[in-house]
Structures are given as C-alpha cells and as structure tokens.
N, C-alpha and C. Protein backbone atom coordinates (compact mmCIF):
# COMPACT_ATOMS: atom_id res chain seq x y z
N MET A 1 0.79 -1.25 -0.02
CA MET A 1 -0.06 -0.09 -0.16
C MET A 1 0.96 1.30 0.02
N ASP A 2 0.66 2.08 -1.03
CA ASP A 2 1.56 3.27 -0.96
C ASP A 2 1.03 4.63 -0.06
N ILE A 3 1.73 5.46 0.02
CA ILE A 3 1.38 6.54 0.92
C ILE A 3 -0.12 7.17 0.48
N THR A 4 -0.16 7.30 -0.78
CA THR A 4 -1.30 7.84 -1.24
C THR A 4 -2.66 7.27 -0.97
N ALA A 5 -2.54 5.89 -0.96
CA ALA A 5 -3.62 5.09 -0.62
C ALA A 5 -3.87 5.07 1.00
N ILE A 6 -2.84 5.16 1.69
CA ILE A 6 -3.01 5.30 3.27
C ILE A 6 -3.58 6.73 3.61
N ILE A 7 -3.12 7.73 2.98
CA ILE A 7 -3.66 9.02 3.28
C ILE A 7 -5.12 9.11 2.82
N ILE A 8 -5.60 8.55 1.63
CA ILE A 8 -6.99 8.45 1.28
C ILE A 8 -7.96 7.64 2.26
N PHE A 9 -7.37 6.55 2.83
CA PHE A 9 -7.79 5.60 3.77
C PHE A 9 -8.30 6.38 5.08
N LEU A 10 -7.09 7.18 5.47
CA LEU A 10 -7.37 8.12 6.70
C LEU A 10 -8.38 9.07 6.53
N LEU A 11 -8.35 9.76 5.41
CA LEU A 11 -9.31 10.83 5.11
C LEU A 11 -10.67 10.46 4.94
N ILE A 12 -10.83 9.12 4.29
CA ILE A 12 -12.16 8.50 4.37
C ILE A 12 -12.73 8.14 5.85
N GLY A 13 -11.80 7.65 6.69
CA GLY A 13 -12.05 7.32 7.96
C GLY A 13 -12.45 8.57 8.89
N ALA A 14 -11.75 9.77 8.61
CA ALA A 14 -12.10 10.80 9.41
C ALA A 14 -13.55 11.42 8.88
N LEU A 15 -13.66 11.45 7.61
CA LEU A 15 -14.87 11.92 7.13
C LEU A 15 -16.04 11.28 7.50
N ALA A 16 -15.86 9.69 7.47
CA ALA A 16 -16.90 8.88 7.82
C ALA A 16 -17.20 9.04 9.38
N GLY A 17 -16.15 9.10 10.13
CA GLY A 17 -16.19 9.19 11.76
C GLY A 17 -16.89 10.67 12.06
N TRP A 18 -16.64 11.69 11.17
CA TRP A 18 -17.09 12.97 11.50
C TRP A 18 -18.67 13.11 11.11
N LEU A 19 -19.05 12.39 10.03
CA LEU A 19 -20.47 12.21 9.60
C LEU A 19 -21.30 11.49 10.58
N ALA A 20 -20.74 10.29 11.10
CA ALA A 20 -21.51 9.63 11.94
C ALA A 20 -21.54 10.29 13.31
N GLY A 21 -20.51 11.06 13.74
CA GLY A 21 -20.76 11.85 15.06
C GLY A 21 -21.77 12.91 14.86
N LEU A 22 -21.96 13.50 13.53
CA LEU A 22 -23.02 14.49 13.39
C LEU A 22 -24.27 13.94 13.51
N LEU A 23 -24.47 12.85 12.88
CA LEU A 23 -25.67 12.04 12.76
C LEU A 23 -26.09 11.53 13.95
N MET A 24 -25.17 11.02 14.88
CA MET A 24 -25.46 10.28 16.09
C MET A 24 -25.60 11.08 17.25
N LYS A 25 -24.65 12.15 17.37
CA LYS A 25 -24.48 12.91 18.53
C LYS A 25 -24.70 14.29 18.50
N GLY A 26 -24.72 14.77 17.18
CA GLY A 26 -24.76 15.99 16.84
C GLY A 26 -23.51 16.86 16.72
N ARG A 27 -22.27 16.14 16.97
CA ARG A 27 -20.85 16.67 16.93
C ARG A 27 -20.05 15.65 16.63
N GLY A 28 -18.68 16.18 16.21
CA GLY A 28 -17.64 15.02 15.93
C GLY A 28 -17.09 14.57 17.21
N PHE A 29 -16.01 13.90 16.94
CA PHE A 29 -15.07 13.37 18.08
C PHE A 29 -13.57 13.91 18.16
N GLY A 30 -13.25 14.87 17.33
CA GLY A 30 -11.83 15.39 17.06
C GLY A 30 -11.25 14.49 15.90
N LEU A 31 -10.06 15.01 15.47
CA LEU A 31 -9.55 14.27 14.16
C LEU A 31 -9.27 12.98 14.55
N LEU A 32 -8.68 12.64 15.69
CA LEU A 32 -8.02 11.26 15.83
C LEU A 32 -9.34 10.33 16.15
N GLY A 33 -10.28 10.83 16.99
CA GLY A 33 -11.49 10.12 17.30
C GLY A 33 -12.25 9.81 16.11
N ASN A 34 -12.46 10.65 15.11
CA ASN A 34 -13.23 10.64 13.92
C ASN A 34 -12.40 9.46 13.03
N ILE A 35 -11.20 9.50 12.99
CA ILE A 35 -10.36 8.67 12.16
C ILE A 35 -10.58 7.25 12.69
N VAL A 36 -10.46 6.91 13.95
CA VAL A 36 -10.66 5.71 14.50
C VAL A 36 -12.10 5.20 14.41
N VAL A 37 -12.90 6.01 14.54
CA VAL A 37 -14.48 5.59 14.50
C VAL A 37 -14.63 5.34 13.00
N GLY A 38 -14.34 6.09 12.14
CA GLY A 38 -14.32 5.93 10.72
C GLY A 38 -13.73 4.58 10.21
N ILE A 39 -12.51 4.19 10.71
CA ILE A 39 -11.87 3.09 10.31
C ILE A 39 -12.53 1.82 10.74
N VAL A 40 -12.84 1.79 12.00
CA VAL A 40 -13.51 0.69 12.55
C VAL A 40 -14.93 0.64 11.98
N GLY A 41 -15.46 1.75 11.76
CA GLY A 41 -16.82 1.51 11.03
C GLY A 41 -16.75 1.08 9.64
N ALA A 42 -15.67 1.30 8.89
CA ALA A 42 -15.37 0.77 7.54
C ALA A 42 -15.43 -0.83 7.61
N PHE A 43 -14.80 -1.30 8.65
CA PHE A 43 -14.74 -2.65 8.70
C PHE A 43 -16.16 -3.36 9.08
N ILE A 44 -16.82 -2.57 9.99
CA ILE A 44 -18.31 -2.89 10.33
C ILE A 44 -19.04 -2.93 9.19
N GLY A 45 -19.03 -1.69 8.46
CA GLY A 45 -19.89 -1.55 7.42
C GLY A 45 -19.65 -2.55 6.18
N GLY A 46 -18.50 -2.79 5.89
CA GLY A 46 -17.95 -3.82 4.86
C GLY A 46 -18.56 -5.09 5.23
N PHE A 47 -18.48 -5.62 6.57
CA PHE A 47 -18.98 -6.81 7.09
C PHE A 47 -20.48 -6.94 6.83
N VAL A 48 -21.16 -5.90 7.34
CA VAL A 48 -22.71 -5.94 7.18
C VAL A 48 -23.20 -5.76 5.76
N PHE A 49 -22.41 -4.97 4.87
CA PHE A 49 -22.71 -4.99 3.38
C PHE A 49 -22.55 -6.30 2.85
N SER A 50 -21.51 -7.04 3.21
CA SER A 50 -21.33 -8.37 2.54
C SER A 50 -22.45 -9.33 3.14
N LEU A 51 -22.79 -9.24 4.19
CA LEU A 51 -23.77 -10.25 4.81
C LEU A 51 -25.15 -9.83 3.86
N LEU A 52 -25.42 -8.63 3.65
CA LEU A 52 -26.61 -8.23 2.92
C LEU A 52 -26.43 -8.46 1.17
N GLY A 53 -25.13 -8.74 0.93
CA GLY A 53 -24.95 -8.90 -0.53
C GLY A 53 -24.97 -7.77 -1.19
N ILE A 54 -24.49 -6.56 -0.65
CA ILE A 54 -24.46 -5.24 -1.07
C ILE A 54 -22.93 -4.87 -1.52
N ALA A 55 -22.78 -4.33 -2.57
CA ALA A 55 -21.41 -3.84 -2.87
C ALA A 55 -21.38 -2.33 -3.25
N ALA A 56 -20.60 -1.69 -2.72
CA ALA A 56 -20.56 -0.16 -2.90
C ALA A 56 -19.19 0.14 -3.23
N GLY A 57 -19.00 0.39 -4.49
CA GLY A 57 -17.65 0.69 -5.05
C GLY A 57 -17.38 2.04 -4.96
N GLY A 58 -16.01 2.30 -5.28
CA GLY A 58 -15.51 3.78 -5.60
C GLY A 58 -15.48 4.65 -4.18
N LEU A 59 -15.08 5.88 -4.50
CA LEU A 59 -14.87 6.62 -3.21
C LEU A 59 -16.30 6.89 -2.64
N ILE A 60 -17.23 7.39 -3.35
CA ILE A 60 -18.45 7.56 -2.53
C ILE A 60 -19.03 6.33 -1.86
N GLY A 61 -18.86 5.26 -2.45
CA GLY A 61 -19.37 4.07 -1.79
C GLY A 61 -18.45 3.46 -0.63
N SER A 62 -17.23 3.93 -0.65
CA SER A 62 -16.37 3.74 0.51
C SER A 62 -16.80 4.61 1.68
N ILE A 63 -17.27 5.73 1.43
CA ILE A 63 -17.64 6.93 2.41
C ILE A 63 -18.93 6.44 2.94
N ILE A 64 -19.88 5.95 2.21
CA ILE A 64 -21.13 5.58 2.58
C ILE A 64 -21.06 4.23 3.57
N THR A 65 -20.20 3.35 3.00
CA THR A 65 -20.19 2.11 3.70
C THR A 65 -19.38 2.45 5.12
N ALA A 66 -18.35 3.17 5.30
CA ALA A 66 -17.77 3.63 6.37
C ALA A 66 -18.56 4.31 7.35
N THR A 67 -19.35 5.19 6.67
CA THR A 67 -20.25 6.08 7.52
C THR A 67 -21.47 5.19 8.21
N LEU A 68 -21.91 4.33 7.39
CA LEU A 68 -23.02 3.43 8.09
C LEU A 68 -22.43 2.58 9.14
N GLY A 69 -21.29 2.12 8.81
CA GLY A 69 -20.63 1.21 9.70
C GLY A 69 -20.28 1.91 11.08
N ALA A 70 -19.85 3.16 11.00
CA ALA A 70 -19.63 3.96 12.15
C ALA A 70 -20.82 4.27 12.93
N ILE A 71 -21.98 4.62 12.16
CA ILE A 71 -23.21 4.65 12.90
C ILE A 71 -23.50 3.55 13.60
N ILE A 72 -23.49 2.44 13.07
CA ILE A 72 -23.63 1.18 13.63
C ILE A 72 -22.93 0.94 15.10
N LEU A 73 -21.47 1.35 14.87
CA LEU A 73 -20.65 1.39 16.00
C LEU A 73 -20.95 2.24 16.99
N LEU A 74 -21.36 3.38 16.81
CA LEU A 74 -21.76 4.41 17.78
C LEU A 74 -23.00 4.00 18.41
N PHE A 75 -24.14 3.39 17.59
CA PHE A 75 -25.29 3.14 18.23
C PHE A 75 -24.97 1.75 19.38
N LEU A 76 -24.23 0.90 18.93
CA LEU A 76 -23.70 -0.12 19.77
C LEU A 76 -23.12 0.34 21.03
N ILE A 77 -22.16 1.32 20.94
CA ILE A 77 -21.50 1.94 22.05
C ILE A 77 -22.52 2.60 22.90
N SER A 78 -23.58 3.24 22.32
CA SER A 78 -24.47 3.94 23.27
C SER A 78 -25.45 2.87 24.01
N LEU A 79 -25.69 1.80 23.36
CA LEU A 79 -26.50 0.61 24.04
C LEU A 79 -25.54 0.32 25.21
N ILE A 80 -24.29 0.00 24.98
CA ILE A 80 -23.52 -0.64 26.09
C ILE A 80 -23.39 0.33 27.28
N LYS A 81 -23.30 1.79 26.92
CA LYS A 81 -23.17 2.66 27.88
C LYS A 81 -24.40 2.70 28.77
N LYS A 82 -25.45 2.64 28.20
CA LYS A 82 -26.93 2.54 28.76
C LYS A 82 -27.06 1.49 30.09
N ALA A 83 -26.45 0.28 29.66
CA ALA A 83 -26.50 -0.93 30.48
C ALA A 83 -25.79 -0.86 31.74
C-alpha cells in the first residue's frame, strides 16, 4: 500500500467518523477520534454490506459504507453505555 492510499484511507475514515458523529450525537469526536471511529466503521460496514449482498464501489461507496458502519458502531456503544 503506497502513501497515497494510506492518506485516502485515513481521510475517508476521518470523514466517515465526522459524519457519523454529526448524525448520532450532533458533533464530531476530534480528528483522531473521527479517524478511529471511521476506520472501525469501515470494517463493520463492509462486514454488514457483505452479509446483505450489497457492494458499494468507488470513493462515494467507501464513504457511505464507512459512515453506516460508524453509525452502527456508535449505536452499539450507546447501548453498552446505557446498560
């Protein structure tokens, strides 16, 4: 993986984490928090999409997948915090 791919991966993670933070809590989590939430969300979103037989390609598809996964992650975290 070259440096450009890593930078794009981190930018997608940051954007997805920020979007999920806005949608779930009304704010982001800071740059590092957004990146972590977005990257973990990308794995969750990819897993869920594969279970459902959905394929989202390209940059927009990657952002959508990561954002939906990050929303799922934040939702699960909120359930755990309430328990």
